[in-house]
């Protein structure tokens, strides 16, 4: 007796169809699982046997062989419990073959027959829709997440007996539907607002430019100047996420298992702020079976690195590939996985070990050698990949006690959204979404400058010793400044302001 139930395995953040083949033959009682199963998959036989028996069904007293095909893909996790159990009952002809073949099935079984949530239901639903399956059967806790996908029925289940009765036609289960439009309409707005920040107008301007063009940004200033407070308010002025961005970000969180129970879709841009003691594997991903790291969890959002110079140097260096390629590739002996990592890098650091090098009211106690050693933790190639360098001075007392209310985040976000729409129209035929993602070909096309601007750029390159990458960064920033001003052409004002955003180049 042979049965086949469709399920899926997660490779990176994508789902791959897996056929759970169950064969029951005469012989001594045995239960064998083949097809590159991990330890959690091999242990499923005990859960499957107990769940079937405790749900009131008879577990076959024969030789059972379970094959997870294709056999060259490593299977991990507990999501194959439910399809294995259904395959056994289908092989014993308790469940019709033609009925179970219509669905993709995923779920973990407890010993008493309850169906527990698993990771990766959204990628599974996308794969089912791509293959035009009638529907998917998932744990009730995962149903809202999977129902985000159009064109596939999502059947929520709570117990193993409920699944069996549904497939036998004894009960009906209403498919779950998720109103995606309502989720975007009711998205949670950050409570951090730029209106609460007194002073620091130049830094706010730099953050607005960074948000408008998707530029990476580094803030340098003494302790207490507000670097962290400003960075945490950046996500409030970023443009709202599109549906495609939300789905791609949610896939990462679904695979990691970080979606909240009531959360079906990530509708707000992520803001990730790892501690400076993080390892390189924690930052870019890794492990025996590679998992997404902070750079992927910040996909389509912000990765904030506070106290940048306190991070281990080799940890910072691994950022160079994801910053350049917008993806991160993790290679192991058994597999190579690629995760998305299109994020805005926002970093903050002190100008020296004591922090008071640029503070006129506090004397710096650091020697030139200490300052050089401190700053050398951030390599030149990494600095070149950060578009905007801005100094954050200590806030004067007059600004702290100022009675003039600062501009709110909502007003800044409107200007950012207008600039992003201009860029969307400009790059509608390319696979880029903002000025920071422009390559050399796009810069030559969209960042043309007049003779006066060219002379100003030439002087800056000669005086500051800028690299070719820094030169391109200035042109990208100038293009964003022109978009914010509503200008089709880049002028000398935009070039001059863009040069001012290369603070560390001037310091050198």
Protein backbone atom coordinates (compact mmCIF):
# COMPACT_ATOMS: atom_id res chain seq x y z
CA UNK A 1 0.00 0.00 0.00
CA UNK A 2 1.53 3.26 -1.17
CA UNK A 3 0.41 6.84 -0.51
CA UNK A 4 1.79 10.29 -1.36
CA UNK A 5 1.20 13.56 0.50
CA UNK A 6 2.60 16.90 -0.69
CA UNK A 7 4.53 19.12 1.70
CA UNK A 8 7.43 21.55 1.43
CA UNK A 9 10.94 22.20 2.72
CA UNK A 10 12.49 25.63 3.23
CA UNK A 11 15.71 26.44 1.36
CA UNK A 12 16.83 29.90 2.39
CA UNK A 13 13.55 31.83 2.36
CA UNK A 14 11.99 29.85 -0.49
CA UNK A 15 9.81 26.75 -0.25
CA UNK A 16 10.60 23.62 -2.27
CA UNK A 17 7.95 20.98 -2.93
CA UNK A 18 8.53 17.72 -1.07
CA UNK A 19 6.63 14.48 -1.75
CA UNK A 20 6.09 12.48 1.43
CA UNK A 21 5.80 8.92 0.16
CA UNK A 22 4.57 6.29 2.62
CA UNK A 23 4.78 2.57 1.89
CA UNK A 24 3.25 -0.03 4.23
CA UNK A 25 4.36 -3.61 3.59
CA UNK A 26 3.98 -6.91 5.40
CA UNK A 27 6.78 -7.84 7.76
CA UNK A 28 8.10 -7.22 11.21
CA UNK A 29 6.97 -3.87 12.70
CA UNK A 30 9.41 -1.14 11.69
CA UNK A 31 9.35 2.59 10.87
CA UNK A 32 12.08 3.94 8.59
CA UNK A 33 12.48 7.50 7.31
CA UNK A 34 14.76 8.17 4.33
CA UNK A 35 15.47 11.19 2.14
CA UNK A 36 18.16 13.15 4.07
CA UNK A 37 16.12 13.75 7.26
CA UNK A 38 17.61 15.78 10.11
CA UNK A 39 17.35 14.62 13.72
CA UNK A 40 14.02 16.43 14.30
CA UNK A 41 12.54 14.69 11.24
CA UNK A 42 13.80 11.26 12.35
CA UNK A 43 12.26 11.77 15.79
CA UNK A 44 8.86 12.40 14.19
CA UNK A 45 8.03 8.67 14.15
CA UNK A 46 7.40 8.71 17.91
CA UNK A 47 5.20 11.79 17.67
CA UNK A 48 3.33 10.41 14.65
CA UNK A 49 2.68 7.04 16.27
CA UNK A 50 1.42 8.57 19.53
CA UNK A 51 -0.72 11.21 17.74
CA UNK A 52 -2.44 8.60 15.54
CA UNK A 53 -3.15 6.28 18.47
CA UNK A 54 -4.29 9.02 20.86
CA UNK A 55 -6.60 10.48 18.19
CA UNK A 56 -8.55 7.20 18.05
CA UNK A 57 -7.05 5.64 14.91
CA UNK A 58 -5.15 2.39 14.49
CA UNK A 59 -1.43 2.58 13.88
CA UNK A 60 -0.42 -0.17 11.38
CA UNK A 61 1.53 -3.04 12.89
CA UNK A 62 3.60 -3.52 9.72
CA UNK A 63 6.82 -2.34 8.12
CA UNK A 64 6.46 1.39 7.28
CA UNK A 65 8.87 3.24 5.00
CA UNK A 66 8.66 7.02 4.60
CA UNK A 67 10.58 8.67 1.76
CA UNK A 68 10.99 12.43 1.53
CA UNK A 69 11.58 13.25 -2.12
CA UNK A 70 13.64 14.77 -3.64
CA UNK A 71 16.18 12.88 -1.58
CA UNK A 72 19.10 15.25 -2.30
CA UNK A 73 17.58 18.15 -0.29
CA UNK A 74 18.18 18.11 3.45
CA UNK A 75 14.91 18.06 5.42
CA UNK A 76 14.78 19.82 8.78
CA UNK A 77 12.18 20.90 11.31
CA UNK A 78 9.00 19.34 12.62
CA UNK A 79 6.66 20.37 9.81
CA UNK A 80 6.65 16.88 8.25
CA UNK A 81 4.81 15.30 11.21
CA UNK A 82 1.32 15.97 9.87
CA UNK A 83 1.96 14.88 6.25
CA UNK A 84 3.62 11.67 7.48
CA UNK A 85 0.65 10.82 9.70
CA UNK A 86 -1.80 11.57 6.89
CA UNK A 87 0.29 9.45 4.53
CA UNK A 88 0.02 6.46 6.87
CA UNK A 89 -3.77 6.73 7.10
CA UNK A 90 -4.00 7.27 3.35
CA UNK A 91 -1.93 4.14 2.74
CA UNK A 92 -4.37 2.21 4.94
CA UNK A 93 -7.22 3.59 2.75
CA UNK A 94 -8.84 5.54 5.58
CA UNK A 95 -8.33 8.81 3.66
CA UNK A 96 -9.04 9.01 -0.12
CA UNK A 97 -5.89 9.44 -2.21
CA UNK A 98 -7.50 11.91 -4.61
CA UNK A 99 -8.60 14.21 -1.77
CA UNK A 100 -5.27 14.48 0.02
CA UNK A 101 -3.47 15.06 -3.30
CA UNK A 102 -5.20 18.45 -3.68
CA UNK A 103 -3.44 20.03 -0.70
CA UNK A 104 0.00 20.90 0.57
CA UNK A 105 0.27 19.91 4.22
CA UNK A 106 2.50 21.20 6.99
CA UNK A 107 2.32 20.92 10.77
CA UNK A 108 3.92 19.55 13.93
CA UNK A 109 2.04 16.95 15.99
CA UNK A 110 1.95 16.71 19.74
CA UNK A 111 1.52 13.33 21.42
CA UNK A 112 -2.17 13.97 22.08
CA UNK A 113 -2.89 14.86 18.44
CA UNK A 114 -2.82 18.64 18.60
CA UNK A 115 -1.36 20.42 15.57
CA UNK A 116 1.34 22.90 16.57
CA UNK A 117 2.65 25.88 14.55
CA UNK A 118 5.75 25.62 12.37
CA UNK A 119 8.03 27.98 10.49
CA UNK A 120 7.75 28.94 6.83
CA UNK A 121 4.02 28.83 6.12
CA UNK A 122 4.16 31.97 3.94
CA UNK A 123 6.82 30.60 1.55
CA UNK A 124 4.80 27.37 1.43
CA UNK A 125 1.63 29.26 0.46
CA UNK A 126 3.53 31.12 -2.27
CA UNK A 127 4.85 27.83 -3.64
CA UNK A 128 1.35 26.33 -3.59
CA UNK A 129 -0.02 29.32 -5.50
CA UNK A 130 2.80 29.06 -8.03
CA UNK A 131 2.04 25.37 -8.60
CA UNK A 132 -1.72 26.08 -8.72
CA UNK A 133 -2.60 23.73 -5.85
CA UNK A 134 -6.17 23.86 -4.59
CA UNK A 135 -5.08 24.76 -1.08
CA UNK A 136 -2.82 24.18 1.89
CA UNK A 137 -3.49 22.68 5.32
CA UNK A 138 -1.59 24.47 8.07
CA UNK A 139 -1.81 24.88 11.86
CA UNK A 140 -4.37 27.47 12.92
CA UNK A 141 -1.64 29.72 14.37
CA UNK A 142 0.00 29.93 10.92
CA UNK A 143 -3.20 30.41 8.91
CA UNK A 144 -3.35 34.23 8.90
CA UNK A 145 0.24 34.44 7.70
CA UNK A 146 -0.39 31.98 4.84
CA UNK A 147 -3.71 33.62 3.87
CA UNK A 148 -1.85 36.74 2.74
CA UNK A 149 -1.28 34.93 -0.58
CA UNK A 150 -4.04 35.22 -3.19
CA UNK A 151 -5.21 32.28 -5.25
CA UNK A 152 -4.84 29.49 -2.69
CA UNK A 153 -7.24 28.23 0.00
CA UNK A 154 -5.78 28.13 3.49
CA UNK A 155 -7.37 25.45 5.71
CA UNK A 156 -6.65 26.05 9.42
CA UNK A 157 -6.56 22.97 11.66
CA UNK A 158 -6.11 22.46 15.39
CA UNK A 159 -6.11 18.65 15.83
CA UNK A 160 -5.12 15.63 13.81
CA UNK A 161 -8.63 14.13 13.98
CA UNK A 162 -10.03 17.38 12.56
CA UNK A 163 -7.74 17.06 9.52
CA UNK A 164 -8.74 13.43 8.96
CA UNK A 165 -12.46 14.19 9.21
CA UNK A 166 -12.08 17.11 6.81
CA UNK A 167 -10.27 15.00 4.20
CA UNK A 168 -12.87 12.25 4.56
CA UNK A 169 -15.65 14.78 3.91
CA UNK A 170 -17.20 14.40 7.35
CA UNK A 171 -16.80 18.08 8.32
CA UNK A 172 -16.28 21.37 6.49
CA UNK A 173 -13.60 23.90 7.46
CA UNK A 174 -13.99 27.50 6.34
CA UNK A 175 -10.81 28.76 4.60
CA UNK A 176 -9.08 31.70 6.27
CA UNK A 177 -9.03 35.04 4.49
CA UNK A 178 -6.76 37.96 5.35
CA UNK A 179 -7.64 41.54 4.41
CA UNK A 180 -4.23 42.83 3.34
CA UNK A 181 -5.54 46.33 2.57
CA UNK A 182 -6.93 46.64 6.10
CA UNK A 183 -3.58 45.53 7.54
CA UNK A 184 -1.75 48.32 5.70
CA UNK A 185 -4.44 50.82 6.70
CA UNK A 186 -4.11 49.95 10.39
CA UNK A 187 -0.33 49.58 10.56
CA UNK A 188 1.21 50.65 13.85
CA UNK A 189 2.87 54.07 13.70
CA UNK A 190 6.09 54.58 15.65
CA UNK A 191 5.72 56.65 18.78
CA UNK A 192 9.16 58.25 18.20
CA UNK A 193 8.77 61.59 16.41
CA UNK A 194 11.27 64.16 15.15
CA UNK A 195 9.09 66.83 16.75
CA UNK A 196 10.52 65.68 20.10
CA UNK A 197 14.12 66.40 19.02
CA UNK A 198 15.35 69.85 19.98
CA UNK A 199 18.02 71.36 17.74
CA UNK A 200 20.25 69.23 15.45
CA UNK A 201 18.65 70.67 12.31
CA UNK A 202 21.64 69.80 10.12
CA UNK A 203 21.55 66.19 11.28
CA UNK A 204 17.80 65.99 10.68
CA UNK A 205 18.42 67.26 7.16
CA UNK A 206 21.03 64.54 6.60
CA UNK A 207 18.58 61.88 7.87
CA UNK A 208 15.91 63.20 5.52
CA UNK A 209 18.33 62.97 2.58
CA UNK A 210 19.31 59.45 3.63
CA UNK A 211 15.67 58.37 3.83
CA UNK A 212 14.79 59.99 0.50
CA UNK A 213 17.55 58.20 -1.40
CA UNK A 214 18.06 55.06 0.69
CA UNK A 215 21.60 56.15 1.55
CA UNK A 216 23.76 54.63 4.28
CA UNK A 217 24.66 57.11 7.02
CA UNK A 218 27.29 57.48 9.76
CA UNK A 219 26.86 59.91 12.66
CA UNK A 220 29.96 61.02 14.57
CA UNK A 221 29.62 62.96 17.80
CA UNK A 222 30.26 63.10 21.55
CA UNK A 223 28.21 61.06 24.06
CA UNK A 224 24.79 62.50 24.78
CA UNK A 225 24.49 64.45 21.54
CA UNK A 226 21.43 62.46 20.47
CA UNK A 227 22.83 60.05 17.87
CA UNK A 228 20.82 57.04 19.05
CA UNK A 229 17.66 59.09 19.57
CA UNK A 230 17.86 60.46 16.03
CA UNK A 231 18.53 57.03 14.50
CA UNK A 232 15.49 55.50 16.23
CA UNK A 233 13.28 58.12 14.61
CA UNK A 234 14.53 57.40 11.09
CA UNK A 235 12.04 54.57 10.46
CA UNK A 236 9.22 57.08 11.05
CA UNK A 237 10.14 59.09 7.94
CA UNK A 238 10.85 56.20 5.59
CA UNK A 239 8.23 55.66 2.85
CA UNK A 240 5.55 53.03 3.58
CA UNK A 241 6.29 49.46 2.50
CA UNK A 242 4.79 48.17 -0.74
CA UNK A 243 3.04 44.78 -0.71
CA UNK A 244 5.92 43.06 -2.53
CA UNK A 245 8.41 44.43 0.02
CA UNK A 246 6.18 43.39 2.93
CA UNK A 247 5.86 39.83 1.61
CA UNK A 248 9.61 39.47 1.06
CA UNK A 249 10.38 40.79 4.56
CA UNK A 250 7.70 38.57 6.10
CA UNK A 251 9.24 35.52 4.43
CA UNK A 252 12.48 36.15 6.33
CA UNK A 253 10.66 36.53 9.64
CA UNK A 254 8.52 33.47 8.89
CA UNK A 255 11.55 31.26 8.25
CA UNK A 256 13.20 32.43 11.49
CA UNK A 257 9.94 32.03 13.44
CA UNK A 258 9.86 35.65 14.65
CA UNK A 259 6.34 36.53 13.56
CA UNK A 260 3.99 37.26 16.44
CA UNK A 261 0.82 35.18 16.75
CA UNK A 262 -1.43 38.07 15.75
CA UNK A 263 0.91 39.25 12.99
CA UNK A 264 0.18 38.01 9.48
CA UNK A 265 2.41 40.44 7.59
CA UNK A 266 5.30 42.77 8.40
CA UNK A 267 3.82 46.10 7.29
CA UNK A 268 6.30 48.41 8.99
CA UNK A 269 9.92 48.70 7.95
CA UNK A 270 12.15 46.74 10.36
CA UNK A 271 14.56 48.52 12.67
CA UNK A 272 17.29 46.21 13.94
CA UNK A 273 19.86 47.34 16.49
CA UNK A 274 22.24 44.49 17.47
CA UNK A 275 24.66 44.89 20.38
CA UNK A 276 28.31 45.53 19.56
CA UNK A 277 29.27 42.12 21.01
CA UNK A 278 27.46 40.33 18.16
CA UNK A 279 29.41 37.71 16.18
CA UNK A 280 29.84 37.70 12.42
CA UNK A 281 27.44 34.72 12.17
CA UNK A 282 24.84 36.63 14.17
CA UNK A 283 25.23 39.65 11.92
CA UNK A 284 25.14 38.10 8.46
CA UNK A 285 23.71 34.67 9.31
CA UNK A 286 25.19 31.25 9.74
CA UNK A 287 25.14 28.12 11.83
CA UNK A 288 25.30 24.40 11.00
CA UNK A 289 22.13 24.93 8.98
CA UNK A 290 22.49 28.58 7.90
CA UNK A 291 19.90 30.95 9.37
CA UNK A 292 19.29 34.60 8.44
CA UNK A 293 21.26 37.14 10.45
CA UNK A 294 20.56 40.74 11.43
CA UNK A 295 21.31 42.04 7.92
CA UNK A 296 18.47 39.89 6.54
CA UNK A 297 16.11 40.68 9.44
CA UNK A 298 16.66 44.35 8.53
CA UNK A 299 15.71 43.69 4.87
CA UNK A 300 13.76 46.68 3.45
CA UNK A 301 14.38 48.50 6.73
CA UNK A 302 17.16 49.94 8.88
CA UNK A 303 20.18 48.26 10.46
CA UNK A 304 21.48 50.52 13.24
CA UNK A 305 24.97 49.89 14.61
CA UNK A 306 25.53 52.00 17.71
CA UNK A 307 29.11 52.53 18.91
CA UNK A 308 30.43 51.38 15.55
CA UNK A 309 34.08 51.41 16.57
CA UNK A 310 33.35 48.98 19.43
CA UNK A 311 32.38 46.18 17.02
CA UNK A 312 35.06 43.62 16.24
CA UNK A 313 36.84 44.59 13.05
CA UNK A 314 36.27 41.25 11.30
CA UNK A 315 32.54 41.54 12.11
CA UNK A 316 32.33 44.92 10.38
CA UNK A 317 34.22 43.66 7.36
CA UNK A 318 31.59 41.02 6.61
CA UNK A 319 29.16 43.87 5.94
CA UNK A 320 30.92 44.78 2.73
CA UNK A 321 29.23 42.13 0.56
CA UNK A 322 25.63 42.72 1.72
CA UNK A 323 26.09 46.50 1.44
CA UNK A 324 27.28 46.17 -2.14
CA UNK A 325 25.19 43.26 -3.45
CA UNK A 326 22.01 43.66 -1.33
CA UNK A 327 22.20 39.91 -0.71
CA UNK A 328 24.31 37.75 1.58
CA UNK A 329 25.60 34.32 0.57
CA UNK A 330 26.43 31.78 3.28
CA UNK A 331 28.43 28.76 2.17
CA UNK A 332 28.77 25.54 4.11
CA UNK A 333 30.08 22.11 3.13
CA UNK A 334 26.55 20.77 2.73
CA UNK A 335 24.81 23.80 1.21
CA UNK A 336 25.08 27.38 -0.03
CA UNK A 337 22.19 29.72 0.75
CA UNK A 338 21.48 33.30 -0.31
CA UNK A 339 19.36 35.63 1.81
CA UNK A 340 18.13 39.12 0.87
CA UNK A 341 19.77 42.00 2.71
CA UNK A 342 18.67 45.27 1.14
CA UNK A 343 18.83 47.57 4.14
CA UNK A 344 19.84 51.10 5.09
CA UNK A 345 22.90 51.06 7.30
CA UNK A 346 22.81 53.75 10.00
CA UNK A 347 25.82 53.82 12.31
CA UNK A 348 26.90 56.01 15.20
CA UNK A 349 30.30 56.42 16.84
CA UNK A 350 32.30 58.72 19.07
CA UNK A 351 35.09 60.75 17.41
CA UNK A 352 37.68 59.27 19.81
CA UNK A 353 37.87 56.74 22.69
CA UNK A 354 36.85 59.30 25.32
CA UNK A 355 34.26 60.84 23.00
CA UNK A 356 35.10 64.53 23.42
CA UNK A 357 37.47 65.24 20.52
CA UNK A 358 35.01 67.60 18.80
CA UNK A 359 33.31 68.94 21.95
CA UNK A 360 34.34 72.57 22.71
CA UNK A 361 33.24 72.28 26.37
CA UNK A 362 35.11 69.10 27.29
CA UNK A 363 38.82 68.46 26.89
CA UNK A 364 39.81 65.34 24.97
CA UNK A 365 42.21 63.10 26.91
CA UNK A 366 43.17 60.86 23.97
CA UNK A 367 46.54 60.79 22.25
CA UNK A 368 46.89 60.92 18.49
CA UNK A 369 47.88 57.25 18.48
CA UNK A 370 44.77 56.27 20.47
CA UNK A 371 42.52 58.23 18.12
CA UNK A 372 44.15 56.66 15.06
CA UNK A 373 43.83 53.15 16.51
CA UNK A 374 40.19 53.81 17.45
CA UNK A 375 39.19 55.05 13.99
CA UNK A 376 41.22 52.44 12.13
CA UNK A 377 38.72 49.80 13.30
CA UNK A 378 36.50 51.11 10.50
CA UNK A 379 38.28 50.32 7.27
CA UNK A 380 38.43 52.60 4.24
CA UNK A 381 36.43 50.21 2.02
CA UNK A 382 33.63 50.10 4.60
CA UNK A 383 33.60 53.90 4.94
CA UNK A 384 33.44 54.21 1.15
CA UNK A 385 30.22 52.18 1.22
CA UNK A 386 28.62 54.66 3.64
CA UNK A 387 27.26 57.55 1.58
CA UNK A 388 26.74 60.19 4.26
CA UNK A 389 29.11 61.12 7.11
CA UNK A 390 27.65 63.75 9.44
CA UNK A 391 28.96 65.33 12.62
CA UNK A 392 26.51 65.45 15.53
CA UNK A 393 27.57 68.24 17.91
CA UNK A 394 26.50 68.51 21.53
CA UNK A 395 23.14 70.27 21.86
CA UNK A 396 23.40 73.84 23.27
CA UNK A 397 21.31 74.75 26.31
CA UNK A 398 19.29 77.28 24.25
CA UNK A 399 18.13 74.50 21.91
CA UNK A 400 17.23 72.19 24.78
CA UNK A 401 14.98 74.86 26.31
CA UNK A 402 13.71 76.10 22.97
CA UNK A 403 9.97 76.74 22.78
CA UNK A 404 9.70 76.46 18.99
CA UNK A 405 8.27 73.04 18.15
CA UNK A 406 10.37 71.05 15.73
CA UNK A 407 9.00 69.70 12.45
CA UNK A 408 7.09 66.41 12.96
CA UNK A 409 8.05 63.15 11.26
CA UNK A 410 4.82 63.12 9.21
CA UNK A 411 5.79 66.33 7.39
CA UNK A 412 9.28 65.02 6.65
CA UNK A 413 7.88 61.70 5.45
CA UNK A 414 5.70 63.49 2.88
CA UNK A 415 8.75 65.07 1.26
CA UNK A 416 10.58 61.74 1.38
CA UNK A 417 7.61 59.98 -0.26
CA UNK A 418 7.52 62.57 -3.08
CA UNK A 419 11.24 62.06 -3.75
CA UNK A 420 10.83 58.28 -3.74
CA UNK A 421 7.97 58.52 -6.27
CA UNK A 422 10.24 60.54 -8.56
CA UNK A 423 12.86 57.79 -8.29
CA UNK A 424 10.24 55.08 -8.90
CA UNK A 425 9.28 56.76 -12.18
CA UNK A 426 12.94 57.21 -13.12
CA UNK A 427 13.87 53.57 -12.52
CA UNK A 428 10.60 51.89 -13.55
CA UNK A 429 12.44 49.80 -16.15
CA UNK A 430 15.32 48.85 -13.85
CA UNK A 431 15.41 46.51 -10.87
CA UNK A 432 16.32 49.31 -8.46
CA UNK A 433 14.08 51.38 -6.25
CA UNK A 434 16.13 54.35 -4.98
CA UNK A 435 19.13 56.48 -5.87
CA UNK A 436 21.47 54.64 -3.49
CA UNK A 437 21.08 51.48 -5.60
CA UNK A 438 22.27 53.13 -8.83
CA UNK A 439 25.15 51.49 -10.64
CA UNK A 440 27.77 53.15 -12.83
CA UNK A 441 25.51 53.03 -15.89
CA UNK A 442 22.64 54.74 -14.08
CA UNK A 443 24.97 57.40 -12.62
CA UNK A 444 26.23 58.28 -16.10
CA UNK A 445 22.63 58.60 -17.31
CA UNK A 446 20.86 60.33 -14.42
CA UNK A 447 23.63 62.28 -12.63
CA UNK A 448 24.79 64.67 -15.34
CA UNK A 449 26.35 67.90 -14.02
CA UNK A 450 27.06 71.30 -15.59
CA UNK A 451 30.61 72.69 -16.05
CA UNK A 452 30.53 74.67 -12.77
CA UNK A 453 29.51 71.59 -10.81
CA UNK A 454 32.17 69.55 -12.57
CA UNK A 455 34.88 72.02 -11.55
CA UNK A 456 33.64 71.97 -7.95
CA UNK A 457 33.73 68.16 -7.95
CA UNK A 458 37.21 68.13 -9.44
CA UNK A 459 38.48 70.44 -6.70
CA UNK A 460 36.89 68.29 -3.99
CA UNK A 461 38.41 65.09 -5.38
CA UNK A 462 41.89 66.66 -5.58
CA UNK A 463 41.79 68.32 -2.16
CA UNK A 464 40.18 65.46 -0.22
CA UNK A 465 41.76 62.56 -2.11
CA UNK A 466 38.39 60.93 -2.70
CA UNK A 467 38.18 57.41 -4.11
CA UNK A 468 36.16 56.57 -7.20
CA UNK A 469 33.49 55.03 -4.97
CA UNK A 470 33.27 58.21 -2.85
CA UNK A 471 32.98 60.27 -6.06
CA UNK A 472 30.01 58.16 -7.13
CA UNK A 473 28.48 58.51 -3.65
CA UNK A 474 28.58 62.29 -3.95
CA UNK A 475 26.77 62.15 -7.29
CA UNK A 476 24.10 59.85 -5.85
CA UNK A 477 23.52 62.17 -2.88
CA UNK A 478 23.35 65.17 -5.21
CA UNK A 479 20.73 63.37 -7.28
CA UNK A 480 18.66 62.81 -4.13
CA UNK A 481 19.01 66.45 -3.11
CA UNK A 482 17.75 67.50 -6.54
CA UNK A 483 14.79 65.13 -6.19
CA UNK A 484 13.92 66.63 -2.79
CA UNK A 485 14.06 70.09 -4.37
CA UNK A 486 11.91 68.95 -7.29
CA UNK A 487 14.67 69.74 -9.82
CA UNK A 488 15.31 67.70 -12.93
CA UNK A 489 19.00 68.73 -13.13
CA UNK A 490 21.73 68.64 -10.51
CA UNK A 491 23.09 72.10 -9.64
CA UNK A 492 26.15 73.39 -7.81
CA UNK A 493 24.10 73.78 -4.62
CA UNK A 494 23.36 70.06 -4.56
CA UNK A 495 26.99 69.15 -5.33
CA UNK A 496 28.27 71.47 -2.58
CA UNK A 497 25.86 70.05 0.00
CA UNK A 498 26.69 66.48 -1.03
CA UNK A 499 30.41 67.16 -0.52
CA UNK A 500 29.64 68.39 3.00
CA UNK A 501 28.23 64.94 3.79
CA UNK A 502 31.70 63.37 3.47
CA UNK A 503 32.94 64.52 6.89
CA UNK A 504 35.46 61.76 7.47
CA UNK A 505 37.02 62.32 4.05
CA UNK A 506 37.61 65.95 5.01
CA UNK A 507 39.08 64.86 8.35
CA UNK A 508 41.62 62.74 6.56
